Amino acid sequence: LILTIPSTSVSNERSFSCLKRIKTCSRNSISQVRLSSLSILSIE
C-alpha cells in the first residue's frame, strides 16, 4: 500500500516516473528544428 501511494519515492523515481516519459513524448511539435531537418533532407 505504502509503495503504491505516490507520496513515497523509490531510489530511481525520476527515471522510473511514467510522467517523465509521457512529457518527453508529448513535446513533439512542428518547430524550427524539424523544418531545418526537412530542409537538410531535401538539399542533401
PDB file of all heavy atoms in Angstrom:
ATOM      1  N   LEU A   1       0.835  -1.208   0.000  1.00  0.00           N
ATOM      2  CA  LEU A   1       0.000   0.000   0.000  1.00  0.00           C
ATOM      3  C   LEU A   1       0.865   1.253   0.000  1.00  0.00           C
ATOM      4  O   LEU A   1       0.670   2.159  -0.815  1.00  0.00           O
ATOM      5  CB  LEU A   1      -0.918  -0.007   1.217  1.00  0.00           C
ATOM      6  CG  LEU A   1      -1.683   1.296   1.473  1.00  0.00           C
ATOM      7  CD1 LEU A   1      -2.856   1.418   0.513  1.00  0.00           C
ATOM      8  CD2 LEU A   1      -2.163   1.395   2.905  1.00  0.00           C
ATOM      9  N   ILE A   2       1.846   1.296   0.900  1.00  0.00           N
ATOM     10  CA  ILE A   2       2.692   2.476   1.023  1.00  0.00           C
ATOM     11  C   ILE A   2       3.534   2.666  -0.229  1.00  0.00           C
ATOM     12  O   ILE A   2       3.758   3.793  -0.692  1.00  0.00           O
ATOM     13  CB  ILE A   2       3.584   2.352   2.272  1.00  0.00           C
ATOM     14  CG1 ILE A   2       2.705   2.409   3.536  1.00  0.00           C
ATOM     15  CG2 ILE A   2       4.635   3.449   2.313  1.00  0.00           C
ATOM     16  CD1 ILE A   2       3.468   2.252   4.826  1.00  0.00           C
ATOM     17  N   LEU A   3       4.008   1.570  -0.810  1.00  0.00           N
ATOM     18  CA  LEU A   3       4.812   1.664  -2.022  1.00  0.00           C
ATOM     19  C   LEU A   3       3.980   2.171  -3.187  1.00  0.00           C
ATOM     20  O   LEU A   3       4.479   2.863  -4.071  1.00  0.00           O
ATOM     21  CB  LEU A   3       5.401   0.289  -2.355  1.00  0.00           C
ATOM     22  CG  LEU A   3       6.524   0.258  -3.401  1.00  0.00           C
ATOM     23  CD1 LEU A   3       7.713   1.064  -2.915  1.00  0.00           C
ATOM     24  CD2 LEU A   3       6.936  -1.173  -3.689  1.00  0.00           C
ATOM     25  N   THR A   4       2.705   1.835  -3.209  1.00  0.00           N
ATOM     26  CA  THR A   4       1.818   2.226  -4.309  1.00  0.00           C
ATOM     27  C   THR A   4       1.472   3.712  -4.256  1.00  0.00           C
ATOM     28  O   THR A   4       1.354   4.367  -5.286  1.00  0.00           O
ATOM     29  CB  THR A   4       0.522   1.394  -4.275  1.00  0.00           C
ATOM     30  OG1 THR A   4       0.860   0.008  -4.264  1.00  0.00           O
ATOM     31  CG2 THR A   4      -0.331   1.691  -5.486  1.00  0.00           C
ATOM     32  N   ILE A   5       1.298   4.237  -3.044  1.00  0.00           N
ATOM     33  CA  ILE A   5       0.946   5.654  -2.908  1.00  0.00           C
ATOM     34  C   ILE A   5       2.098   6.516  -3.396  1.00  0.00           C
ATOM     35  O   ILE A   5       3.231   6.356  -2.943  1.00  0.00           O
ATOM     36  CB  ILE A   5       0.614   5.987  -1.440  1.00  0.00           C
ATOM     37  CG1 ILE A   5      -0.641   5.238  -1.003  1.00  0.00           C
ATOM     38  CG2 ILE A   5       0.413   7.488  -1.257  1.00  0.00           C
ATOM     39  CD1 ILE A   5      -1.013   5.464   0.440  1.00  0.00           C
ATOM     40  N   PRO A   6       1.865   7.437  -4.340  1.00  0.00           N
ATOM     41  CA  PRO A   6       2.968   8.217  -4.941  1.00  0.00           C
ATOM     42  C   PRO A   6       3.568   9.265  -4.029  1.00  0.00           C
ATOM     43  O   PRO A   6       4.433  10.016  -4.459  1.00  0.00           O
ATOM     44  CB  PRO A   6       2.295   8.871  -6.155  1.00  0.00           C
ATOM     45  CG  PRO A   6       0.859   8.956  -5.786  1.00  0.00           C
ATOM     46  CD  PRO A   6       0.573   7.739  -4.955  1.00  0.00           C
ATOM     47  N   SER A   7       3.127   9.338  -2.774  1.00  0.00           N
ATOM     48  CA  SER A   7       3.749  10.281  -1.852  1.00  0.00           C
ATOM     49  C   SER A   7       5.062   9.741  -1.315  1.00  0.00           C
ATOM     50  O   SER A   7       5.768  10.421  -0.585  1.00  0.00           O
ATOM     51  CB  SER A   7       2.808  10.571  -0.676  1.00  0.00           C
ATOM     52  OG  SER A   7       2.494   9.373   0.009  1.00  0.00           O
ATOM     53  N   THR A   8       5.382   8.477  -1.684  1.00  0.00           N
ATOM     54  CA  THR A   8       6.677   7.915  -1.353  1.00  0.00           C
ATOM     55  C   THR A   8       7.493   7.789  -2.630  1.00  0.00           C
ATOM     56  O   THR A   8       6.949   7.828  -3.729  1.00  0.00           O
ATOM     57  CB  THR A   8       6.527   6.523  -0.714  1.00  0.00           C
ATOM     58  OG1 THR A   8       5.836   5.661  -1.623  1.00  0.00           O
ATOM     59  CG2 THR A   8       5.740   6.615   0.575  1.00  0.00           C
ATOM     60  N   SER A   9       8.790   7.647  -2.511  1.00  0.00           N
ATOM     61  CA  SER A   9       9.645   7.569  -3.688  1.00  0.00           C
ATOM     62  C   SER A   9      10.543   6.354  -3.602  1.00  0.00           C
ATOM     63  O   SER A   9      10.917   5.914  -2.522  1.00  0.00           O
ATOM     64  CB  SER A   9      10.509   8.826  -3.829  1.00  0.00           C
ATOM     65  OG  SER A   9      11.383   8.932  -2.724  1.00  0.00           O
ATOM     66  N   VAL A  10      10.865   5.791  -4.778  1.00  0.00           N
ATOM     67  CA  VAL A  10      11.853   4.722  -4.847  1.00  0.00           C
ATOM     68  C   VAL A  10      13.180   5.326  -5.263  1.00  0.00           C
ATOM     69  O   VAL A  10      13.263   6.496  -5.618  1.00  0.00           O
ATOM     70  CB  VAL A  10      11.425   3.630  -5.855  1.00  0.00           C
ATOM     71  CG1 VAL A  10      10.190   2.930  -5.363  1.00  0.00           C
ATOM     72  CG2 VAL A  10      11.173   4.208  -7.233  1.00  0.00           C
ATOM     73  N   SER A  11      14.223   4.523  -5.223  1.00  0.00           N
ATOM     74  CA  SER A  11      15.568   5.052  -5.404  1.00  0.00           C
ATOM     75  C   SER A  11      15.763   5.725  -6.748  1.00  0.00           C
ATOM     76  O   SER A  11      16.528   6.673  -6.868  1.00  0.00           O
ATOM     77  CB  SER A  11      16.590   3.927  -5.231  1.00  0.00           C
ATOM     78  OG  SER A  11      16.329   2.887  -6.141  1.00  0.00           O
ATOM     79  N   ASN A  12      15.098   5.233  -7.786  1.00  0.00           N
ATOM     80  CA  ASN A  12      15.269   5.814  -9.126  1.00  0.00           C
ATOM     81  C   ASN A  12      13.978   6.446  -9.606  1.00  0.00           C
ATOM     82  O   ASN A  12      13.573   6.284 -10.733  1.00  0.00           O
ATOM     83  CB  ASN A  12      15.740   4.750 -10.115  1.00  0.00           C
ATOM     84  CG  ASN A  12      14.771   3.590 -10.213  1.00  0.00           C
ATOM     85  OD1 ASN A  12      13.950   3.389  -9.324  1.00  0.00           O
ATOM     86  ND2 ASN A  12      14.871   2.836 -11.280  1.00  0.00           N
ATOM     87  N   GLU A  13      13.313   7.176  -8.728  1.00  0.00           N
ATOM     88  CA  GLU A  13      11.986   7.712  -9.022  1.00  0.00           C
ATOM     89  C   GLU A  13      11.958   8.592 -10.258  1.00  0.00           C
ATOM     90  O   GLU A  13      11.051   8.521 -11.067  1.00  0.00           O
ATOM     91  CB  GLU A  13      11.494   8.529  -7.820  1.00  0.00           C
ATOM     92  CG  GLU A  13      10.083   9.060  -7.944  1.00  0.00           C
ATOM     93  CD  GLU A  13       9.044   7.994  -7.714  1.00  0.00           C
ATOM     94  OE1 GLU A  13       9.139   7.261  -6.730  1.00  0.00           O
ATOM     95  OE2 GLU A  13       8.129   7.875  -8.554  1.00  0.00           O
ATOM     96  N   ARG A  14      13.000   9.413 -10.430  1.00  0.00           N
ATOM     97  CA  ARG A  14      12.958  10.353 -11.546  1.00  0.00           C
ATOM     98  C   ARG A  14      13.018   9.642 -12.882  1.00  0.00           C
ATOM     99  O   ARG A  14      12.329   9.994 -13.828  1.00  0.00           O
ATOM    100  CB  ARG A  14      14.124  11.341 -11.437  1.00  0.00           C
ATOM    101  CG  ARG A  14      14.063  12.222 -10.204  1.00  0.00           C
ATOM    102  CD  ARG A  14      12.782  12.978 -10.081  1.00  0.00           C
ATOM    103  NE  ARG A  14      12.537  13.856 -11.212  1.00  0.00           N
ATOM    104  CZ  ARG A  14      11.398  14.503 -11.417  1.00  0.00           C
ATOM    105  NH1 ARG A  14      10.393  14.328 -10.602  1.00  0.00           N
ATOM    106  NH2 ARG A  14      11.261  15.291 -12.450  1.00  0.00           N
ATOM    107  N   SER A  15      13.868   8.616 -12.994  1.00  0.00           N
ATOM    108  CA  SER A  15      13.934   7.862 -14.249  1.00  0.00           C
ATOM    109  C   SER A  15      12.791   6.866 -14.342  1.00  0.00           C
ATOM    110  O   SER A  15      12.393   6.473 -15.421  1.00  0.00           O
ATOM    111  CB  SER A  15      15.277   7.133 -14.345  1.00  0.00           C
ATOM    112  OG  SER A  15      15.435   6.245 -13.262  1.00  0.00           O
ATOM    113  N   PHE A  16      12.268   6.467 -13.172  1.00  0.00           N
ATOM    114  CA  PHE A  16      11.199   5.479 -13.150  1.00  0.00           C
ATOM    115  C   PHE A  16       9.859   6.093 -13.539  1.00  0.00           C
ATOM    116  O   PHE A  16       8.999   5.424 -14.086  1.00  0.00           O
ATOM    117  CB  PHE A  16      11.122   4.890 -11.732  1.00  0.00           C
ATOM    118  CG  PHE A  16       9.902   4.058 -11.457  1.00  0.00           C
ATOM    119  CD1 PHE A  16       9.841   2.744 -11.850  1.00  0.00           C
ATOM    120  CD2 PHE A  16       8.809   4.612 -10.802  1.00  0.00           C
ATOM    121  CE1 PHE A  16       8.726   1.980 -11.599  1.00  0.00           C
ATOM    122  CE2 PHE A  16       7.699   3.853 -10.541  1.00  0.00           C
ATOM    123  CZ  PHE A  16       7.651   2.527 -10.936  1.00  0.00           C
ATOM    124  N   SER A  17       9.678   7.377 -13.263  1.00  0.00           N
ATOM    125  CA  SER A  17       8.378   8.007 -13.394  1.00  0.00           C
ATOM    126  C   SER A  17       7.821   7.927 -14.806  1.00  0.00           C
ATOM    127  O   SER A  17       8.471   8.309 -15.775  1.00  0.00           O
ATOM    128  CB  SER A  17       8.466   9.474 -12.965  1.00  0.00           C
ATOM    129  OG  SER A  17       7.247  10.138 -13.228  1.00  0.00           O
ATOM    130  N   CYS A  18       6.602   7.425 -14.927  1.00  0.00           N
ATOM    131  CA  CYS A  18       5.923   7.370 -16.222  1.00  0.00           C
ATOM    132  C   CYS A  18       5.591   8.780 -16.700  1.00  0.00           C
ATOM    133  O   CYS A  18       5.541   9.033 -17.896  1.00  0.00           O
ATOM    134  CB  CYS A  18       4.656   6.530 -16.087  1.00  0.00           C
ATOM    135  SG  CYS A  18       3.768   6.255 -17.629  1.00  0.00           S
ATOM    136  N   LEU A  19       5.385   9.700 -15.764  1.00  0.00           N
ATOM    137  CA  LEU A  19       5.074  11.083 -16.135  1.00  0.00           C
ATOM    138  C   LEU A  19       6.195  11.692 -16.962  1.00  0.00           C
ATOM    139  O   LEU A  19       5.948  12.405 -17.932  1.00  0.00           O
ATOM    140  CB  LEU A  19       4.845  11.911 -14.870  1.00  0.00           C
ATOM    141  CG  LEU A  19       4.538  13.388 -15.088  1.00  0.00           C
ATOM    142  CD1 LEU A  19       3.194  13.552 -15.777  1.00  0.00           C
ATOM    143  CD2 LEU A  19       4.572  14.141 -13.779  1.00  0.00           C
ATOM    144  N   LYS A  20       7.436  11.403 -16.592  1.00  0.00           N
ATOM    145  CA  LYS A  20       8.573  11.935 -17.338  1.00  0.00           C
ATOM    146  C   LYS A  20       8.577  11.392 -18.755  1.00  0.00           C
ATOM    147  O   LYS A  20       8.842  12.123 -19.724  1.00  0.00           O
ATOM    148  CB  LYS A  20       9.871  11.568 -16.628  1.00  0.00           C
ATOM    149  CG  LYS A  20      11.114  12.120 -17.321  1.00  0.00           C
ATOM    150  CD  LYS A  20      12.360  11.767 -16.547  1.00  0.00           C
ATOM    151  CE  LYS A  20      13.593  12.312 -17.240  1.00  0.00           C
ATOM    152  NZ  LYS A  20      14.837  11.979 -16.501  1.00  0.00           N
ATOM    153  N   ARG A  21       8.271  10.110 -18.926  1.00  0.00           N
ATOM    154  CA  ARG A  21       8.258   9.523 -20.256  1.00  0.00           C
ATOM    155  C   ARG A  21       7.159  10.141 -21.107  1.00  0.00           C
ATOM    156  O   ARG A  21       7.340  10.383 -22.304  1.00  0.00           O
ATOM    157  CB  ARG A  21       8.055   8.005 -20.156  1.00  0.00           C
ATOM    158  CG  ARG A  21       9.107   7.310 -19.332  1.00  0.00           C
ATOM    159  CD  ARG A  21       9.124   5.812 -19.604  1.00  0.00           C
ATOM    160  NE  ARG A  21       7.841   5.186 -19.353  1.00  0.00           N
ATOM    161  CZ  ARG A  21       7.483   4.669 -18.204  1.00  0.00           C
ATOM    162  NH1 ARG A  21       8.298   4.723 -17.171  1.00  0.00           N
ATOM    163  NH2 ARG A  21       6.315   4.081 -18.051  1.00  0.00           N
ATOM    164  N   ILE A  22       6.009  10.404 -20.510  1.00  0.00           N
ATOM    165  CA  ILE A  22       4.899  10.998 -21.257  1.00  0.00           C
ATOM    166  C   ILE A  22       5.231  12.415 -21.687  1.00  0.00           C
ATOM    167  O   ILE A  22       4.968  12.818 -22.822  1.00  0.00           O
ATOM    168  CB  ILE A  22       3.625  10.978 -20.396  1.00  0.00           C
ATOM    169  CG1 ILE A  22       3.146   9.545 -20.206  1.00  0.00           C
ATOM    170  CG2 ILE A  22       2.528  11.818 -21.035  1.00  0.00           C
ATOM    171  CD1 ILE A  22       1.982   9.414 -19.274  1.00  0.00           C
ATOM    172  N   LYS A  23       5.825  13.196 -20.772  1.00  0.00           N
ATOM    173  CA  LYS A  23       6.160  14.572 -21.120  1.00  0.00           C
ATOM    174  C   LYS A  23       7.210  14.623 -22.224  1.00  0.00           C
ATOM    175  O   LYS A  23       7.187  15.504 -23.078  1.00  0.00           O
ATOM    176  CB  LYS A  23       6.644  15.310 -19.877  1.00  0.00           C
ATOM    177  CG  LYS A  23       5.515  15.627 -18.902  1.00  0.00           C
ATOM    178  CD  LYS A  23       5.999  16.453 -17.729  1.00  0.00           C
ATOM    179  CE  LYS A  23       4.832  16.847 -16.843  1.00  0.00           C
ATOM    180  NZ  LYS A  23       5.250  17.658 -15.693  1.00  0.00           N
ATOM    181  N   THR A  24       8.145  13.679 -22.204  1.00  0.00           N
ATOM    182  CA  THR A  24       9.140  13.609 -23.272  1.00  0.00           C
ATOM    183  C   THR A  24       8.470  13.336 -24.608  1.00  0.00           C
ATOM    184  O   THR A  24       8.789  13.950 -25.625  1.00  0.00           O
ATOM    185  CB  THR A  24      10.166  12.512 -22.967  1.00  0.00           C
ATOM    186  OG1 THR A  24      10.815  12.809 -21.733  1.00  0.00           O
ATOM    187  CG2 THR A  24      11.210  12.427 -24.068  1.00  0.00           C
ATOM    188  N   CYS A  25       7.496  12.415 -24.596  1.00  0.00           N
ATOM    189  CA  CYS A  25       6.797  12.070 -25.841  1.00  0.00           C
ATOM    190  C   CYS A  25       5.917  13.206 -26.330  1.00  0.00           C
ATOM    191  O   CYS A  25       5.858  13.495 -27.517  1.00  0.00           O
ATOM    192  CB  CYS A  25       5.952  10.820 -25.601  1.00  0.00           C
ATOM    193  SG  CYS A  25       4.920  10.313 -26.991  1.00  0.00           S
ATOM    194  N   SER A  26       5.248  13.904 -25.398  1.00  0.00           N
ATOM    195  CA  SER A  26       4.274  14.925 -25.791  1.00  0.00           C
ATOM    196  C   SER A  26       4.905  16.224 -26.256  1.00  0.00           C
ATOM    197  O   SER A  26       4.208  17.120 -26.717  1.00  0.00           O
ATOM    198  CB  SER A  26       3.331  15.213 -24.618  1.00  0.00           C
ATOM    199  OG  SER A  26       4.046  15.749 -23.531  1.00  0.00           O
ATOM    200  N   ARG A  27       6.222  16.362 -26.150  1.00  0.00           N
ATOM    201  CA  ARG A  27       6.881  17.590 -26.594  1.00  0.00           C
ATOM    202  C   ARG A  27       7.027  17.660 -28.107  1.00  0.00           C
ATOM    203  O   ARG A  27       7.491  18.653 -28.641  1.00  0.00           O
ATOM    204  CB  ARG A  27       8.266  17.711 -25.942  1.00  0.00           C
ATOM    205  CG  ARG A  27       8.198  18.051 -24.466  1.00  0.00           C
ATOM    206  CD  ARG A  27       9.574  18.426 -23.937  1.00  0.00           C
ATOM    207  NE  ARG A  27       9.506  18.670 -22.524  1.00  0.00           N
ATOM    208  CZ  ARG A  27       9.805  17.767 -21.602  1.00  0.00           C
ATOM    209  NH1 ARG A  27      10.193  16.577 -21.968  1.00  0.00           N
ATOM    210  NH2 ARG A  27       9.714  18.051 -20.325  1.00  0.00           N
ATOM    211  N   ASN A  28       6.663  16.583 -28.821  1.00  0.00           N
ATOM    212  CA  ASN A  28       6.775  16.600 -30.287  1.00  0.00           C
ATOM    213  C   ASN A  28       5.907  17.719 -30.857  1.00  0.00           C
ATOM    214  O   ASN A  28       4.742  17.835 -30.537  1.00  0.00           O
ATOM    215  CB  ASN A  28       6.307  15.270 -30.877  1.00  0.00           C
ATOM    216  CG  ASN A  28       7.203  14.126 -30.473  1.00  0.00           C
ATOM    217  OD1 ASN A  28       8.400  14.310 -30.347  1.00  0.00           O
ATOM    218  ND2 ASN A  28       6.629  12.960 -30.262  1.00  0.00           N
ATOM    219  N   SER A  29       6.470  18.525 -31.697  1.00  0.00           N
ATOM    220  CA  SER A  29       5.723  19.614 -32.319  1.00  0.00           C
ATOM    221  C   SER A  29       6.460  20.052 -33.575  1.00  0.00           C
ATOM    222  O   SER A  29       7.620  19.734 -33.783  1.00  0.00           O
ATOM    223  CB  SER A  29       5.583  20.806 -31.354  1.00  0.00           C
ATOM    224  OG  SER A  29       6.857  21.303 -31.021  1.00  0.00           O
ATOM    225  N   ILE A  30       5.758  20.805 -34.429  1.00  0.00           N
ATOM    226  CA  ILE A  30       6.405  21.349 -35.625  1.00  0.00           C
ATOM    227  C   ILE A  30       7.206  22.574 -35.197  1.00  0.00           C
ATOM    228  O   ILE A  30       6.649  23.621 -34.891  1.00  0.00           O
ATOM    229  CB  ILE A  30       5.367  21.738 -36.689  1.00  0.00           C
ATOM    230  CG1 ILE A  30       4.660  20.493 -37.201  1.00  0.00           C
ATOM    231  CG2 ILE A  30       6.015  22.464 -37.844  1.00  0.00           C
ATOM    232  CD1 ILE A  30       3.671  20.757 -38.299  1.00  0.00           C
ATOM    233  N   SER A  31       8.491  22.445 -35.146  1.00  0.00           N
ATOM    234  CA  SER A  31       9.364  23.531 -34.693  1.00  0.00           C
ATOM    235  C   SER A  31      10.362  23.874 -35.778  1.00  0.00           C
ATOM    236  O   SER A  31      10.456  23.223 -36.798  1.00  0.00           O
ATOM    237  CB  SER A  31      10.105  23.092 -33.414  1.00  0.00           C
ATOM    238  OG  SER A  31      10.922  21.963 -33.690  1.00  0.00           O
ATOM    239  N   GLN A  32      11.144  24.918 -35.541  1.00  0.00           N
ATOM    240  CA  GLN A  32      12.178  25.307 -36.497  1.00  0.00           C
ATOM    241  C   GLN A  32      13.213  24.197 -36.670  1.00  0.00           C
ATOM    242  O   GLN A  32      13.775  24.023 -37.741  1.00  0.00           O
ATOM    243  CB  GLN A  32      12.851  26.596 -36.029  1.00  0.00           C
ATOM    244  CG  GLN A  32      11.931  27.817 -36.076  1.00  0.00           C
ATOM    245  CD  GLN A  32      11.463  28.128 -37.487  1.00  0.00           C
ATOM    246  OE1 GLN A  32      12.218  27.969 -38.440  1.00  0.00           O
ATOM    247  NE2 GLN A  32      10.217  28.535 -37.636  1.00  0.00           N
ATOM    248  N   VAL A  33      13.440  23.415 -35.591  1.00  0.00           N
ATOM    249  CA  VAL A  33      14.402  22.317 -35.685  1.00  0.00           C
ATOM    250  C   VAL A  33      13.926  21.290 -36.701  1.00  0.00           C
ATOM    251  O   VAL A  33      14.676  20.799 -37.530  1.00  0.00           O
ATOM    252  CB  VAL A  33      14.598  21.673 -34.301  1.00  0.00           C
ATOM    253  CG1 VAL A  33      15.493  20.456 -34.415  1.00  0.00           C
ATOM    254  CG2 VAL A  33      15.197  22.693 -33.328  1.00  0.00           C
ATOM    255  N   ARG A  34      12.639  20.953 -36.638  1.00  0.00           N
ATOM    256  CA  ARG A  34      12.122  19.956 -37.576  1.00  0.00           C
ATOM    257  C   ARG A  34      12.153  20.485 -39.008  1.00  0.00           C
ATOM    258  O   ARG A  34      12.515  19.777 -39.941  1.00  0.00           O
ATOM    259  CB  ARG A  34      10.686  19.567 -37.183  1.00  0.00           C
ATOM    260  CG  ARG A  34      10.024  18.664 -38.196  1.00  0.00           C
ATOM    261  CD  ARG A  34       8.659  18.188 -37.762  1.00  0.00           C
ATOM    262  NE  ARG A  34       8.752  17.274 -36.645  1.00  0.00           N
ATOM    263  CZ  ARG A  34       7.705  16.578 -36.188  1.00  0.00           C
ATOM    264  NH1 ARG A  34       6.532  16.728 -36.758  1.00  0.00           N
ATOM    265  NH2 ARG A  34       7.837  15.747 -35.178  1.00  0.00           N
ATOM    266  N   LEU A  35      11.762  21.752 -39.197  1.00  0.00           N
ATOM    267  CA  LEU A  35      11.781  22.321 -40.543  1.00  0.00           C
ATOM    268  C   LEU A  35      13.199  22.352 -41.094  1.00  0.00           C
ATOM    269  O   LEU A  35      13.432  22.101 -42.271  1.00  0.00           O
ATOM    270  CB  LEU A  35      11.180  23.724 -40.517  1.00  0.00           C
ATOM    271  CG  LEU A  35       9.685  23.801 -40.175  1.00  0.00           C
ATOM    272  CD1 LEU A  35       9.257  25.250 -40.099  1.00  0.00           C
ATOM    273  CD2 LEU A  35       8.842  23.053 -41.193  1.00  0.00           C
ATOM    274  N   SER A  36      14.188  22.644 -40.233  1.00  0.00           N
ATOM    275  CA  SER A  36      15.578  22.645 -40.672  1.00  0.00           C
ATOM    276  C   SER A  36      16.002  21.250 -41.083  1.00  0.00           C
ATOM    277  O   SER A  36      16.723  21.069 -42.071  1.00  0.00           O
ATOM    278  CB  SER A  36      16.474  23.169 -39.555  1.00  0.00           C
ATOM    279  OG  SER A  36      16.120  24.492 -39.211  1.00  0.00           O
ATOM    280  N   SER A  37      15.577  20.237 -40.344  1.00  0.00           N
ATOM    281  CA  SER A  37      15.934  18.865 -40.678  1.00  0.00           C
ATOM    282  C   SER A  37      15.345  18.447 -42.010  1.00  0.00           C
ATOM    283  O   SER A  37      16.000  17.771 -42.814  1.00  0.00           O
ATOM    284  CB  SER A  37      15.446  17.922 -39.564  1.00  0.00           C
ATOM    285  OG  SER A  37      16.035  18.262 -38.323  1.00  0.00           O
ATOM    286  N   LEU A  38      14.098  18.847 -42.277  1.00  0.00           N
ATOM    287  CA  LEU A  38      13.489  18.526 -43.569  1.00  0.00           C
ATOM    288  C   LEU A  38      14.228  19.225 -44.707  1.00  0.00           C
ATOM    289  O   LEU A  38      14.369  18.671 -45.803  1.00  0.00           O
ATOM    290  CB  LEU A  38      12.013  18.935 -43.569  1.00  0.00           C
ATOM    291  CG  LEU A  38      11.091  18.138 -42.630  1.00  0.00           C
ATOM    292  CD1 LEU A  38       9.684  18.699 -42.702  1.00  0.00           C
ATOM    293  CD2 LEU A  38      11.092  16.668 -43.002  1.00  0.00           C
ATOM    294  N   SER A  39      14.699  20.432 -44.450  1.00  0.00           N
ATOM    295  CA  SER A  39      15.468  21.137 -45.482  1.00  0.00           C
ATOM    296  C   SER A  39      16.752  20.399 -45.800  1.00  0.00           C
ATOM    297  O   SER A  39      17.154  20.282 -46.957  1.00  0.00           O
ATOM    298  CB  SER A  39      15.782  22.565 -45.017  1.00  0.00           C
ATOM    299  OG  SER A  39      14.594  23.286 -44.777  1.00  0.00           O
ATOM    300  N   ILE A  40      17.405  19.880 -44.775  1.00  0.00           N
ATOM    301  CA  ILE A  40      18.645  19.126 -45.000  1.00  0.00           C
ATOM    302  C   ILE A  40      18.363  17.877 -45.834  1.00  0.00           C
ATOM    303  O   ILE A  40      19.129  17.520 -46.733  1.00  0.00           O
ATOM    304  CB  ILE A  40      19.283  18.749 -43.652  1.00  0.00           C
ATOM    305  CG1 ILE A  40      19.760  20.009 -42.932  1.00  0.00           C
ATOM    306  CG2 ILE A  40      20.448  17.783 -43.843  1.00  0.00           C
ATOM    307  CD1 ILE A  40      20.261  19.763 -41.537  1.00  0.00           C
ATOM    308  N   LEU A  41      17.241  17.210 -45.569  1.00  0.00           N
ATOM    309  CA  LEU A  41      16.875  16.027 -46.346  1.00  0.00           C
ATOM    310  C   LEU A  41      16.714  16.370 -47.825  1.00  0.00           C
ATOM    311  O   LEU A  41      17.100  15.598 -48.707  1.00  0.00           O
ATOM    312  CB  LEU A  41      15.558  15.431 -45.815  1.00  0.00           C
ATOM    313  CG  LEU A  41      15.630  14.592 -44.526  1.00  0.00           C
ATOM    314  CD1 LEU A  41      14.235  14.191 -44.103  1.00  0.00           C
ATOM    315  CD2 LEU A  41      16.497  13.368 -44.708  1.00  0.00           C
ATOM    316  N   SER A  42      16.136  17.541 -48.101  1.00  0.00           N
ATOM    317  CA  SER A  42      15.901  17.934 -49.486  1.00  0.00           C
ATOM    318  C   SER A  42      17.186  18.355 -50.179  1.00  0.00           C
ATOM    319  O   SER A  42      17.462  17.981 -51.323  1.00  0.00           O
ATOM    320  CB  SER A  42      14.876  19.079 -49.523  1.00  0.00           C
ATOM    321  OG  SER A  42      14.699  19.561 -50.830  1.00  0.00           O
ATOM    322  N   ILE A  43      18.014  19.120 -49.437  1.00  0.00           N
ATOM    323  CA  ILE A  43      19.230  19.656 -50.051  1.00  0.00           C
ATOM    324  C   ILE A  43      20.274  18.558 -50.270  1.00  0.00           C
ATOM    325  O   ILE A  43      20.968  18.527 -51.288  1.00  0.00           O
ATOM    326  CB  ILE A  43      19.808  20.796 -49.186  1.00  0.00           C
ATOM    327  CG1 ILE A  43      18.824  21.967 -49.151  1.00  0.00           C
ATOM    328  CG2 ILE A  43      21.169  21.244 -49.691  1.00  0.00           C
ATOM    329  CD1 ILE A  43      19.178  23.039 -48.158  1.00  0.00           C
ATOM    330  N   GLU A  44      20.378  17.662 -49.341  1.00  0.00           N
ATOM    331  CA  GLU A  44      21.437  16.652 -49.399  1.00  0.00           C
ATOM    332  C   GLU A  44      20.907  15.319 -49.936  1.00  0.00           C
ATOM    333  O   GLU A  44      21.260  14.256 -49.439  1.00  0.00           O
ATOM    334  CB  GLU A  44      22.029  16.451 -47.987  1.00  0.00           C
ATOM    335  CG  GLU A  44      22.628  17.686 -47.376  1.00  0.00           C
ATOM    336  CD  GLU A  44      23.880  18.152 -48.124  1.00  0.00           C
ATOM    337  OE1 GLU A  44      24.414  17.370 -48.924  1.00  0.00           O
ATOM    338  OE2 GLU A  44      24.321  19.287 -47.885  1.00  0.00           O
TER     339      GLU A  44
END
